[in-house]
Amino acid sequence: MSHSPSEDGPAKAAYEAYAAQVLEEPYRYVTQKPGKDIRSKLINAFNAWLKVPDDKLAIIKEVTKILHNASLLIDDIEDNSKLRRGLPVAHAIFGIPQTINCANYMYFICMAKVMDLQSPAAAQAFTDQLIELHRGQGLDIFWRDTVQCPTEEEYKRMVLQKTGGLFALALRLMQLFSDDKRDFGPLLKTFSLYFQIRDDYANLQSDEYAANKSFCEDITEGKFSFPIIHCIRQSPTEHQLLNILKQRTDDRDLKLHCLRCMERTGSFTYTHRFYTLRQVDVLNDLERTARAQIAELGGNDTLVAILDTLSKLHH
């Protein structure tokens, strides 16, 4: 069937429908098996406080969903991933050029939807947070590809840009259409750190994660995740873990050796426990901090339920 963009009427509509179907295919593929949809659940939870009008909330949810899934297409290319949600990654099927184009195309689809909010401040929030997200992602890639281990504080700052970027975008957009102008920044910061550090822990310790991605995928990526950073910083004169990270290995025995190195330095225990009392209790302490911050803001049963679900991994 011939599709010409120069024709008007039904022929033009048919061409545009055909083009959209082709352009969006990698995106539709990655969304065919949904993830846990934490971002949408968080939006619902914060809306218990913010009470955003339904029409605006629907757009904000759609923007956040599309941005997240489009960013996964790029992440999987940049990380040379093999699986996403238990399926082969999109670029393994559609090729890198089409997958990159699709992801970028969906970013601009999001921008068009933000314009539908009819607020200059919404467009500014979208631009600000996309810049932050790409800065964070760029640092993560730089550390990995130059084999430079960041400090714990550098890593946390990167997480607030990268993982916190989409959370912050959703909250900023919601507050534009809410009478509740309280500062949710501290809670958002705590939740972003908790969410990412929990993900780092799961990547190396969770059987479910291994089934959906691959066994200890962060080691194959050469990624400096939170437990890996702790292990390297605890043993500055020992280079076993760094040398294995350089190899981007799929070798299970080498990965198991990395896990033993991290167990020896107490890195999983440290990740599992950290913050409030300064008694080295990262995940549990971030969780406690988040619960206290939720209570200070007046309580939120939906947000507490999300924390309950996420915390099952490390309790």
C-alpha atoms as a PDB file:
ATOM      1  CA  MET A   1       0.000   0.000   0.000  1.00  0.00           C
ATOM      2  CA  SER A   2       1.318   3.452  -0.945  1.00  0.00           C
ATOM      3  CA  HIS A   3       1.228   6.223   1.674  1.00  0.00           C
ATOM      4  CA  SER A   4       1.850   9.751   0.412  1.00  0.00           C
ATOM      5  CA  PRO A   5       2.218  12.688   2.841  1.00  0.00           C
ATOM      6  CA  SER A   6       1.258  15.239   0.163  1.00  0.00           C
ATOM      7  CA  GLU A   7      -2.366  14.191  -0.173  1.00  0.00           C
ATOM      8  CA  ASP A   8      -5.158  15.768   1.865  1.00  0.00           C
ATOM      9  CA  GLY A   9      -8.255  14.298   3.467  1.00  0.00           C
ATOM     10  CA  PRO A  10      -8.555  10.544   4.093  1.00  0.00           C
ATOM     11  CA  ALA A  11      -5.296   9.761   2.287  1.00  0.00           C
ATOM     12  CA  LYS A  12      -3.311  12.102   4.536  1.00  0.00           C
ATOM     13  CA  ALA A  13      -4.982  10.698   7.651  1.00  0.00           C
ATOM     14  CA  ALA A  14      -4.136   7.163   6.505  1.00  0.00           C
ATOM     15  CA  TYR A  15      -0.499   8.152   5.935  1.00  0.00           C
ATOM     16  CA  GLU A  16      -0.208   9.754   9.376  1.00  0.00           C
ATOM     17  CA  ALA A  17      -1.761   6.705  11.042  1.00  0.00           C
ATOM     18  CA  TYR A  18       0.665   4.465   9.159  1.00  0.00           C
ATOM     19  CA  ALA A  19       3.649   6.651  10.104  1.00  0.00           C
ATOM     20  CA  ALA A  20       2.652   6.723  13.780  1.00  0.00           C
ATOM     21  CA  GLN A  21       2.280   2.948  13.819  1.00  0.00           C
ATOM     22  CA  VAL A  22       5.765   2.488  12.360  1.00  0.00           C
ATOM     23  CA  LEU A  23       7.462   5.170  14.467  1.00  0.00           C
ATOM     24  CA  GLU A  24       5.960   4.035  17.766  1.00  0.00           C
ATOM     25  CA  GLU A  25       6.493   0.296  17.379  1.00  0.00           C
ATOM     26  CA  PRO A  26       9.531   0.030  19.724  1.00  0.00           C
ATOM     27  CA  TYR A  27       7.602   2.057  22.318  1.00  0.00           C
ATOM     28  CA  ARG A  28       4.528  -0.166  22.054  1.00  0.00           C
ATOM     29  CA  TYR A  29       6.797  -3.179  22.380  1.00  0.00           C
ATOM     30  CA  VAL A  30       8.400  -2.007  25.633  1.00  0.00           C
ATOM     31  CA  THR A  31       4.979  -1.156  27.112  1.00  0.00           C
ATOM     32  CA  GLN A  32       3.316  -4.468  26.202  1.00  0.00           C
ATOM     33  CA  LYS A  33       4.455  -5.939  29.509  1.00  0.00           C
ATOM     34  CA  PRO A  34       3.941  -3.181  32.093  1.00  0.00           C
ATOM     35  CA  GLY A  35       6.258  -2.714  35.053  1.00  0.00           C
ATOM     36  CA  LYS A  36       5.105  -2.043  38.607  1.00  0.00           C
ATOM     37  CA  ASP A  37       3.834   1.425  37.585  1.00  0.00           C
ATOM     38  CA  ILE A  38       5.281   3.014  40.731  1.00  0.00           C
ATOM     39  CA  ARG A  39       5.240   6.502  39.183  1.00  0.00           C
ATOM     40  CA  SER A  40       1.507   6.430  38.507  1.00  0.00           C
ATOM     41  CA  LYS A  41       0.884   5.105  42.012  1.00  0.00           C
ATOM     42  CA  LEU A  42       3.016   7.913  43.452  1.00  0.00           C
ATOM     43  CA  ILE A  43       1.044  10.498  41.489  1.00  0.00           C
ATOM     44  CA  ASN A  44      -2.187   9.076  42.924  1.00  0.00           C
ATOM     45  CA  ALA A  45      -0.678   9.125  46.400  1.00  0.00           C
ATOM     46  CA  PHE A  46       0.462  12.755  46.195  1.00  0.00           C
ATOM     47  CA  ASN A  47      -2.896  13.698  44.719  1.00  0.00           C
ATOM     48  CA  ALA A  48      -4.501  12.767  48.032  1.00  0.00           C
ATOM     49  CA  TRP A  49      -2.833  15.993  49.206  1.00  0.00           C
ATOM     50  CA  LEU A  50      -2.789  18.056  46.020  1.00  0.00           C
ATOM     51  CA  LYS A  51      -6.282  17.365  44.598  1.00  0.00           C
ATOM     52  CA  VAL A  52      -5.396  18.215  40.990  1.00  0.00           C
ATOM     53  CA  PRO A  53      -8.350  18.478  38.546  1.00  0.00           C
ATOM     54  CA  ASP A  54      -8.968  15.190  36.738  1.00  0.00           C
ATOM     55  CA  ASP A  55      -8.279  16.522  33.237  1.00  0.00           C
ATOM     56  CA  LYS A  56      -4.896  17.972  34.234  1.00  0.00           C
ATOM     57  CA  LEU A  57      -3.995  14.873  36.264  1.00  0.00           C
ATOM     58  CA  ALA A  58      -4.685  12.588  33.291  1.00  0.00           C
ATOM     59  CA  ILE A  59      -2.237  14.570  31.129  1.00  0.00           C
ATOM     60  CA  ILE A  60       0.438  14.581  33.853  1.00  0.00           C
ATOM     61  CA  LYS A  61       0.104  10.810  34.296  1.00  0.00           C
ATOM     62  CA  GLU A  62       0.379  10.242  30.552  1.00  0.00           C
ATOM     63  CA  VAL A  63       3.449  12.495  30.242  1.00  0.00           C
ATOM     64  CA  THR A  64       5.196  10.721  33.129  1.00  0.00           C
ATOM     65  CA  LYS A  65       4.353   7.275  31.751  1.00  0.00           C
ATOM     66  CA  ILE A  66       5.567   8.060  28.225  1.00  0.00           C
ATOM     67  CA  LEU A  67       8.776   9.722  29.424  1.00  0.00           C
ATOM     68  CA  HIS A  68       9.604   6.787  31.679  1.00  0.00           C
ATOM     69  CA  ASN A  69       9.049   4.136  29.017  1.00  0.00           C
ATOM     70  CA  ALA A  70      10.803   6.140  26.281  1.00  0.00           C
ATOM     71  CA  SER A  71      13.800   6.611  28.574  1.00  0.00           C
ATOM     72  CA  LEU A  72      13.964   2.817  29.055  1.00  0.00           C
ATOM     73  CA  LEU A  73      14.501   2.419  25.295  1.00  0.00           C
ATOM     74  CA  ILE A  74      17.546   4.691  25.505  1.00  0.00           C
ATOM     75  CA  ASP A  75      18.783   3.234  28.810  1.00  0.00           C
ATOM     76  CA  ASP A  76      18.838  -0.286  27.392  1.00  0.00           C
ATOM     77  CA  ILE A  77      20.976   0.862  24.454  1.00  0.00           C
ATOM     78  CA  GLU A  78      23.358   2.854  26.661  1.00  0.00           C
ATOM     79  CA  ASP A  79      23.661  -0.045  29.106  1.00  0.00           C
ATOM     80  CA  ASN A  80      23.879  -2.761  26.437  1.00  0.00           C
ATOM     81  CA  SER A  81      21.078  -4.591  28.251  1.00  0.00           C
ATOM     82  CA  LYS A  82      19.732  -7.953  27.084  1.00  0.00           C
ATOM     83  CA  LEU A  83      16.366  -8.161  28.837  1.00  0.00           C
ATOM     84  CA  ARG A  84      13.688  -5.697  29.918  1.00  0.00           C
ATOM     85  CA  ARG A  85      10.776  -7.005  32.012  1.00  0.00           C
ATOM     86  CA  GLY A  86      11.733 -10.545  31.044  1.00  0.00           C
ATOM     87  CA  LEU A  87      11.670  -9.877  27.277  1.00  0.00           C
ATOM     88  CA  PRO A  88      14.473  -9.122  24.785  1.00  0.00           C
ATOM     89  CA  VAL A  89      15.238  -5.383  24.745  1.00  0.00           C
ATOM     90  CA  ALA A  90      13.593  -3.318  21.996  1.00  0.00           C
ATOM     91  CA  HIS A  91      16.780  -2.455  20.098  1.00  0.00           C
ATOM     92  CA  ALA A  92      17.623  -6.166  19.769  1.00  0.00           C
ATOM     93  CA  ILE A  93      14.445  -6.494  17.701  1.00  0.00           C
ATOM     94  CA  PHE A  94      14.019  -3.129  15.953  1.00  0.00           C
ATOM     95  CA  GLY A  95      17.662  -2.061  15.725  1.00  0.00           C
ATOM     96  CA  ILE A  96      19.435   0.827  17.438  1.00  0.00           C
ATOM     97  CA  PRO A  97      18.592   3.607  14.906  1.00  0.00           C
ATOM     98  CA  GLN A  98      14.828   2.990  14.920  1.00  0.00           C
ATOM     99  CA  THR A  99      14.756   2.584  18.700  1.00  0.00           C
ATOM    100  CA  ILE A 100      16.638   5.850  19.315  1.00  0.00           C
ATOM    101  CA  ASN A 101      14.393   7.707  16.881  1.00  0.00           C
ATOM    102  CA  CYS A 102      11.299   6.271  18.539  1.00  0.00           C
ATOM    103  CA  ALA A 103      12.439   7.326  22.027  1.00  0.00           C
ATOM    104  CA  ASN A 104      13.258  10.864  20.874  1.00  0.00           C
ATOM    105  CA  TYR A 105       9.956  11.061  19.000  1.00  0.00           C
ATOM    106  CA  MET A 106       8.065  10.088  22.164  1.00  0.00           C
ATOM    107  CA  TYR A 107       9.910  12.801  24.148  1.00  0.00           C
ATOM    108  CA  PHE A 108       8.466  15.379  21.749  1.00  0.00           C
ATOM    109  CA  ILE A 109       5.036  13.758  21.938  1.00  0.00           C
ATOM    110  CA  CYS A 110       5.326  14.408  25.684  1.00  0.00           C
ATOM    111  CA  MET A 111       6.266  18.028  25.071  1.00  0.00           C
ATOM    112  CA  ALA A 112       3.145  18.453  22.925  1.00  0.00           C
ATOM    113  CA  LYS A 113       1.032  16.996  25.746  1.00  0.00           C
ATOM    114  CA  VAL A 114       2.644  19.384  28.257  1.00  0.00           C
ATOM    115  CA  MET A 115       1.623  22.255  25.965  1.00  0.00           C
ATOM    116  CA  ASP A 116      -1.965  20.996  26.328  1.00  0.00           C
ATOM    117  CA  LEU A 117      -1.737  22.001  30.004  1.00  0.00           C
ATOM    118  CA  GLN A 118      -1.678  25.612  28.722  1.00  0.00           C
ATOM    119  CA  SER A 119       0.833  26.807  31.298  1.00  0.00           C
ATOM    120  CA  PRO A 120       4.233  28.397  30.528  1.00  0.00           C
ATOM    121  CA  ALA A 121       5.402  27.144  33.925  1.00  0.00           C
ATOM    122  CA  ALA A 122       4.582  23.570  32.861  1.00  0.00           C
ATOM    123  CA  ALA A 123       6.814  23.877  29.795  1.00  0.00           C
ATOM    124  CA  GLN A 124       9.583  25.288  32.015  1.00  0.00           C
ATOM    125  CA  ALA A 125       9.240  22.411  34.488  1.00  0.00           C
ATOM    126  CA  PHE A 126       9.391  19.893  31.640  1.00  0.00           C
ATOM    127  CA  THR A 127      12.565  21.476  30.232  1.00  0.00           C
ATOM    128  CA  ASP A 128      14.236  21.805  33.653  1.00  0.00           C
ATOM    129  CA  GLN A 129      13.656  18.205  34.661  1.00  0.00           C
ATOM    130  CA  LEU A 130      14.620  16.719  31.293  1.00  0.00           C
ATOM    131  CA  ILE A 131      17.912  18.624  31.536  1.00  0.00           C
ATOM    132  CA  GLU A 132      18.455  17.288  35.063  1.00  0.00           C
ATOM    133  CA  LEU A 133      17.596  13.742  33.997  1.00  0.00           C
ATOM    134  CA  HIS A 134      20.128  13.816  31.152  1.00  0.00           C
ATOM    135  CA  ARG A 135      22.812  15.375  33.366  1.00  0.00           C
ATOM    136  CA  GLY A 136      22.373  12.574  35.876  1.00  0.00           C
ATOM    137  CA  GLN A 137      22.375   9.896  33.184  1.00  0.00           C
ATOM    138  CA  GLY A 138      25.461  11.444  31.597  1.00  0.00           C
ATOM    139  CA  LEU A 139      27.426  11.323  34.851  1.00  0.00           C
ATOM    140  CA  ASP A 140      26.381   7.721  35.450  1.00  0.00           C
ATOM    141  CA  ILE A 141      27.649   6.780  31.977  1.00  0.00           C
ATOM    142  CA  PHE A 142      30.852   8.826  32.382  1.00  0.00           C
ATOM    143  CA  TRP A 143      31.797   7.103  35.640  1.00  0.00           C
ATOM    144  CA  ARG A 144      31.086   3.703  34.133  1.00  0.00           C
ATOM    145  CA  ASP A 145      32.929   4.217  30.846  1.00  0.00           C
ATOM    146  CA  THR A 146      35.994   5.857  32.400  1.00  0.00           C
ATOM    147  CA  VAL A 147      35.990   3.390  35.331  1.00  0.00           C
ATOM    148  CA  GLN A 148      35.983   6.248  37.857  1.00  0.00           C
ATOM    149  CA  CYS A 149      34.281   5.281  41.092  1.00  0.00           C
ATOM    150  CA  PRO A 150      32.248   8.222  42.459  1.00  0.00           C
ATOM    151  CA  THR A 151      31.957   9.012  46.145  1.00  0.00           C
ATOM    152  CA  GLU A 152      28.750   8.096  47.927  1.00  0.00           C
ATOM    153  CA  GLU A 153      27.699  11.754  47.999  1.00  0.00           C
ATOM    154  CA  GLU A 154      28.400  12.213  44.276  1.00  0.00           C
ATOM    155  CA  TYR A 155      26.312   9.134  43.586  1.00  0.00           C
ATOM    156  CA  LYS A 156      23.409  10.445  45.661  1.00  0.00           C
ATOM    157  CA  ARG A 157      23.472  13.787  43.839  1.00  0.00           C
ATOM    158  CA  MET A 158      23.368  11.930  40.515  1.00  0.00           C
ATOM    159  CA  VAL A 159      20.407   9.821  41.705  1.00  0.00           C
ATOM    160  CA  LEU A 160      18.446  12.955  42.617  1.00  0.00           C
ATOM    161  CA  GLN A 161      18.966  14.218  39.067  1.00  0.00           C
ATOM    162  CA  LYS A 162      18.330  10.942  37.256  1.00  0.00           C
ATOM    163  CA  THR A 163      15.822   8.922  39.286  1.00  0.00           C
ATOM    164  CA  GLY A 164      14.426  11.974  41.052  1.00  0.00           C
ATOM    165  CA  GLY A 165      13.957  13.859  37.779  1.00  0.00           C
ATOM    166  CA  LEU A 166      10.694  12.218  36.722  1.00  0.00           C
ATOM    167  CA  PHE A 167       9.322  12.239  40.276  1.00  0.00           C
ATOM    168  CA  ALA A 168      10.130  15.964  40.506  1.00  0.00           C
ATOM    169  CA  LEU A 169       8.544  16.680  37.120  1.00  0.00           C
ATOM    170  CA  ALA A 170       5.276  15.011  38.097  1.00  0.00           C
ATOM    171  CA  LEU A 171       5.163  16.878  41.419  1.00  0.00           C
ATOM    172  CA  ARG A 172       6.015  20.263  39.859  1.00  0.00           C
ATOM    173  CA  LEU A 173       3.317  19.846  37.223  1.00  0.00           C
ATOM    174  CA  MET A 174       0.765  18.771  39.822  1.00  0.00           C
ATOM    175  CA  GLN A 175       1.463  21.726  42.112  1.00  0.00           C
ATOM    176  CA  LEU A 176       0.821  24.152  39.242  1.00  0.00           C
ATOM    177  CA  PHE A 177      -2.821  23.062  39.380  1.00  0.00           C
ATOM    178  CA  SER A 178      -3.144  22.639  43.143  1.00  0.00           C
ATOM    179  CA  ASP A 179      -3.844  25.011  46.018  1.00  0.00           C
ATOM    180  CA  ASP A 180      -1.419  23.005  48.181  1.00  0.00           C
ATOM    181  CA  LYS A 181       1.951  24.739  47.783  1.00  0.00           C
ATOM    182  CA  ARG A 182       3.790  23.016  50.641  1.00  0.00           C
ATOM    183  CA  ASP A 183       7.414  22.012  50.121  1.00  0.00           C
ATOM    184  CA  PHE A 184       7.410  18.295  49.336  1.00  0.00           C
ATOM    185  CA  GLY A 185      11.077  18.452  48.293  1.00  0.00           C
ATOM    186  CA  PRO A 186      12.561  16.690  51.357  1.00  0.00           C
ATOM    187  CA  LEU A 187      10.110  13.772  51.040  1.00  0.00           C
ATOM    188  CA  LEU A 188      10.716  13.534  47.289  1.00  0.00           C
ATOM    189  CA  LYS A 189      14.486  13.498  47.865  1.00  0.00           C
ATOM    190  CA  THR A 190      14.206  10.732  50.469  1.00  0.00           C
ATOM    191  CA  PHE A 191      11.901   8.662  48.277  1.00  0.00           C
ATOM    192  CA  SER A 192      14.128   9.050  45.191  1.00  0.00           C
ATOM    193  CA  LEU A 193      17.200   7.851  47.096  1.00  0.00           C
ATOM    194  CA  TYR A 194      15.257   5.010  48.685  1.00  0.00           C
ATOM    195  CA  PHE A 195      13.803   3.907  45.340  1.00  0.00           C
ATOM    196  CA  GLN A 196      17.170   3.860  43.523  1.00  0.00           C
ATOM    197  CA  ILE A 197      19.264   2.332  46.311  1.00  0.00           C
ATOM    198  CA  ARG A 198      16.608  -0.351  46.766  1.00  0.00           C
ATOM    199  CA  ASP A 199      16.844  -1.011  43.011  1.00  0.00           C
ATOM    200  CA  ASP A 200      20.643  -1.287  43.274  1.00  0.00           C
ATOM    201  CA  TYR A 201      20.264  -3.786  46.111  1.00  0.00           C
ATOM    202  CA  ALA A 202      17.659  -5.803  44.177  1.00  0.00           C
ATOM    203  CA  ASN A 203      19.841  -5.946  41.063  1.00  0.00           C
ATOM    204  CA  LEU A 204      22.469  -7.880  43.000  1.00  0.00           C
ATOM    205  CA  GLN A 205      20.303  -9.759  45.512  1.00  0.00           C
ATOM    206  CA  SER A 206      16.817 -10.408  44.090  1.00  0.00           C
ATOM    207  CA  ASP A 207      15.894 -13.589  42.190  1.00  0.00           C
ATOM    208  CA  GLU A 208      12.855 -11.815  40.693  1.00  0.00           C
ATOM    209  CA  TYR A 209      15.070  -9.028  39.374  1.00  0.00           C
ATOM    210  CA  ALA A 210      17.457 -11.551  37.828  1.00  0.00           C
ATOM    211  CA  ALA A 211      14.555 -13.220  36.005  1.00  0.00           C
ATOM    212  CA  ASN A 212      13.288  -9.924  34.562  1.00  0.00           C
ATOM    213  CA  LYS A 213      16.683  -8.445  33.653  1.00  0.00           C
ATOM    214  CA  SER A 214      19.601 -10.846  34.083  1.00  0.00           C
ATOM    215  CA  PHE A 215      21.769 -12.152  36.928  1.00  0.00           C
ATOM    216  CA  CYS A 216      23.640  -9.229  38.542  1.00  0.00           C
ATOM    217  CA  GLU A 217      23.196  -7.070  35.452  1.00  0.00           C
ATOM    218  CA  ASP A 218      24.909  -4.060  37.066  1.00  0.00           C
ATOM    219  CA  ILE A 219      28.185  -6.014  37.113  1.00  0.00           C
ATOM    220  CA  THR A 220      27.862  -6.820  33.400  1.00  0.00           C
ATOM    221  CA  GLU A 221      27.144  -3.127  32.728  1.00  0.00           C
ATOM    222  CA  GLY A 222      30.212  -2.100  34.708  1.00  0.00           C
ATOM    223  CA  LYS A 223      27.929   0.167  36.716  1.00  0.00           C
ATOM    224  CA  PHE A 224      28.925   1.882  39.951  1.00  0.00           C
ATOM    225  CA  SER A 225      25.809   1.129  41.973  1.00  0.00           C
ATOM    226  CA  PHE A 226      25.493   1.903  45.686  1.00  0.00           C
ATOM    227  CA  PRO A 227      26.757  -1.449  47.094  1.00  0.00           C
ATOM    228  CA  ILE A 228      29.569  -1.561  44.520  1.00  0.00           C
ATOM    229  CA  ILE A 229      30.713   1.970  45.431  1.00  0.00           C
ATOM    230  CA  HIS A 230      30.761   1.039  49.122  1.00  0.00           C
ATOM    231  CA  CYS A 231      32.806  -2.095  48.455  1.00  0.00           C
ATOM    232  CA  ILE A 232      35.408  -0.249  46.358  1.00  0.00           C
ATOM    233  CA  ARG A 233      35.679   2.627  48.849  1.00  0.00           C
ATOM    234  CA  GLN A 234      36.072   0.189  51.749  1.00  0.00           C
ATOM    235  CA  SER A 235      39.004  -1.545  50.017  1.00  0.00           C
ATOM    236  CA  PRO A 236      40.954   1.200  48.201  1.00  0.00           C
ATOM    237  CA  THR A 237      44.071  -0.959  47.855  1.00  0.00           C
ATOM    238  CA  GLU A 238      42.190  -3.950  46.422  1.00  0.00           C
ATOM    239  CA  HIS A 239      41.270  -3.848  42.741  1.00  0.00           C
ATOM    240  CA  GLN A 240      39.493  -7.163  42.132  1.00  0.00           C
ATOM    241  CA  LEU A 241      36.021  -5.651  41.805  1.00  0.00           C
ATOM    242  CA  LEU A 242      37.219  -2.792  39.576  1.00  0.00           C
ATOM    243  CA  ASN A 243      39.021  -5.207  37.268  1.00  0.00           C
ATOM    244  CA  ILE A 244      35.916  -7.380  36.911  1.00  0.00           C
ATOM    245  CA  LEU A 245      33.708  -4.325  36.245  1.00  0.00           C
ATOM    246  CA  LYS A 246      36.040  -3.300  33.398  1.00  0.00           C
ATOM    247  CA  GLN A 247      35.406  -6.614  31.658  1.00  0.00           C
ATOM    248  CA  ARG A 248      31.592  -6.187  31.312  1.00  0.00           C
ATOM    249  CA  THR A 249      31.447  -9.893  31.995  1.00  0.00           C
ATOM    250  CA  ASP A 250      28.530 -12.318  31.710  1.00  0.00           C
ATOM    251  CA  ASP A 251      30.539 -14.995  33.528  1.00  0.00           C
ATOM    252  CA  ARG A 252      28.464 -16.239  36.469  1.00  0.00           C
ATOM    253  CA  ASP A 253      31.483 -17.346  38.499  1.00  0.00           C
ATOM    254  CA  LEU A 254      33.095 -13.916  38.237  1.00  0.00           C
ATOM    255  CA  LYS A 255      29.827 -12.295  39.271  1.00  0.00           C
ATOM    256  CA  LEU A 256      29.565 -14.604  42.271  1.00  0.00           C
ATOM    257  CA  HIS A 257      33.122 -13.609  43.196  1.00  0.00           C
ATOM    258  CA  CYS A 258      32.031  -9.943  43.092  1.00  0.00           C
ATOM    259  CA  LEU A 259      29.144 -10.743  45.424  1.00  0.00           C
ATOM    260  CA  ARG A 260      31.548 -12.433  47.835  1.00  0.00           C
ATOM    261  CA  CYS A 261      33.777  -9.327  47.756  1.00  0.00           C
ATOM    262  CA  MET A 262      30.768  -7.151  48.631  1.00  0.00           C
ATOM    263  CA  GLU A 263      29.696  -9.512  51.398  1.00  0.00           C
ATOM    264  CA  ARG A 264      33.219  -9.445  52.827  1.00  0.00           C
ATOM    265  CA  THR A 265      33.235  -5.625  53.001  1.00  0.00           C
ATOM    266  CA  GLY A 266      29.735  -5.541  54.513  1.00  0.00           C
ATOM    267  CA  SER A 267      28.401  -3.625  51.508  1.00  0.00           C
ATOM    268  CA  PHE A 268      25.024  -5.383  51.397  1.00  0.00           C
ATOM    269  CA  THR A 269      24.560  -4.935  55.131  1.00  0.00           C
ATOM    270  CA  TYR A 270      25.502  -1.266  54.766  1.00  0.00           C
ATOM    271  CA  THR A 271      23.074  -0.783  51.858  1.00  0.00           C
ATOM    272  CA  HIS A 272      20.366  -2.633  53.760  1.00  0.00           C
ATOM    273  CA  ARG A 273      20.856  -0.356  56.765  1.00  0.00           C
ATOM    274  CA  PHE A 274      21.887   3.424  57.103  1.00  0.00           C
ATOM    275  CA  TYR A 275      20.692   7.096  57.565  1.00  0.00           C
ATOM    276  CA  THR A 276      18.652   8.600  60.425  1.00  0.00           C
ATOM    277  CA  LEU A 277      20.673   7.592  63.478  1.00  0.00           C
ATOM    278  CA  ARG A 278      23.907   7.439  61.500  1.00  0.00           C
ATOM    279  CA  GLN A 279      24.148   3.759  62.407  1.00  0.00           C
ATOM    280  CA  VAL A 280      24.874   2.672  58.855  1.00  0.00           C
ATOM    281  CA  ASP A 281      21.434   1.563  57.727  1.00  0.00           C
ATOM    282  CA  VAL A 282      20.721   2.953  54.259  1.00  0.00           C
ATOM    283  CA  LEU A 283      17.473   1.364  53.115  1.00  0.00           C
ATOM    284  CA  ASN A 284      15.810   0.924  56.502  1.00  0.00           C
ATOM    285  CA  ASP A 285      16.806   4.424  57.533  1.00  0.00           C
ATOM    286  CA  LEU A 286      15.628   6.071  54.308  1.00  0.00           C
ATOM    287  CA  GLU A 287      12.365   4.201  54.771  1.00  0.00           C
ATOM    288  CA  ARG A 288      12.012   5.461  58.357  1.00  0.00           C
ATOM    289  CA  THR A 289      12.807   9.005  57.227  1.00  0.00           C
ATOM    290  CA  ALA A 290      10.178   8.812  54.475  1.00  0.00           C
ATOM    291  CA  ARG A 291       7.540   7.533  56.915  1.00  0.00           C
ATOM    292  CA  ALA A 292       8.336  10.348  59.363  1.00  0.00           C
ATOM    293  CA  GLN A 293       8.151  12.960  56.601  1.00  0.00           C
ATOM    294  CA  ILE A 294       4.789  11.593  55.418  1.00  0.00           C
ATOM    295  CA  ALA A 295       3.471  11.843  58.983  1.00  0.00           C
ATOM    296  CA  GLU A 296       4.736  15.441  59.290  1.00  0.00           C
ATOM    297  CA  LEU A 297       2.813  16.333  56.121  1.00  0.00           C
ATOM    298  CA  GLY A 298      -0.414  15.034  57.649  1.00  0.00           C
ATOM    299  CA  GLY A 299      -0.252  11.351  56.711  1.00  0.00           C
ATOM    300  CA  ASN A 300      -0.995   9.573  53.441  1.00  0.00           C
ATOM    301  CA  ASP A 301      -2.247   5.982  53.490  1.00  0.00           C
ATOM    302  CA  THR A 302      -1.602   5.428  49.771  1.00  0.00           C
ATOM    303  CA  LEU A 303       2.015   6.569  49.999  1.00  0.00           C
ATOM    304  CA  VAL A 304       2.573   4.439  53.104  1.00  0.00           C
ATOM    305  CA  ALA A 305       1.140   1.424  51.225  1.00  0.00           C
ATOM    306  CA  ILE A 306       3.671   1.990  48.409  1.00  0.00           C
ATOM    307  CA  LEU A 307       6.495   2.039  50.964  1.00  0.00           C
ATOM    308  CA  ASP A 308       5.117  -1.139  52.553  1.00  0.00           C
ATOM    309  CA  THR A 309       5.265  -2.898  49.171  1.00  0.00           C
ATOM    310  CA  LEU A 310       8.761  -1.669  48.299  1.00  0.00           C
ATOM    311  CA  SER A 311      10.179  -2.477  51.731  1.00  0.00           C
ATOM    312  CA  LYS A 312       9.302  -6.187  51.488  1.00  0.00           C
ATOM    313  CA  LEU A 313      12.538  -6.678  49.538  1.00  0.00           C
ATOM    314  CA  HIS A 314      14.833  -5.738  52.410  1.00  0.00           C
ATOM    315  CA  HIS A 315      12.817  -6.616  55.533  1.00  0.00           C
END
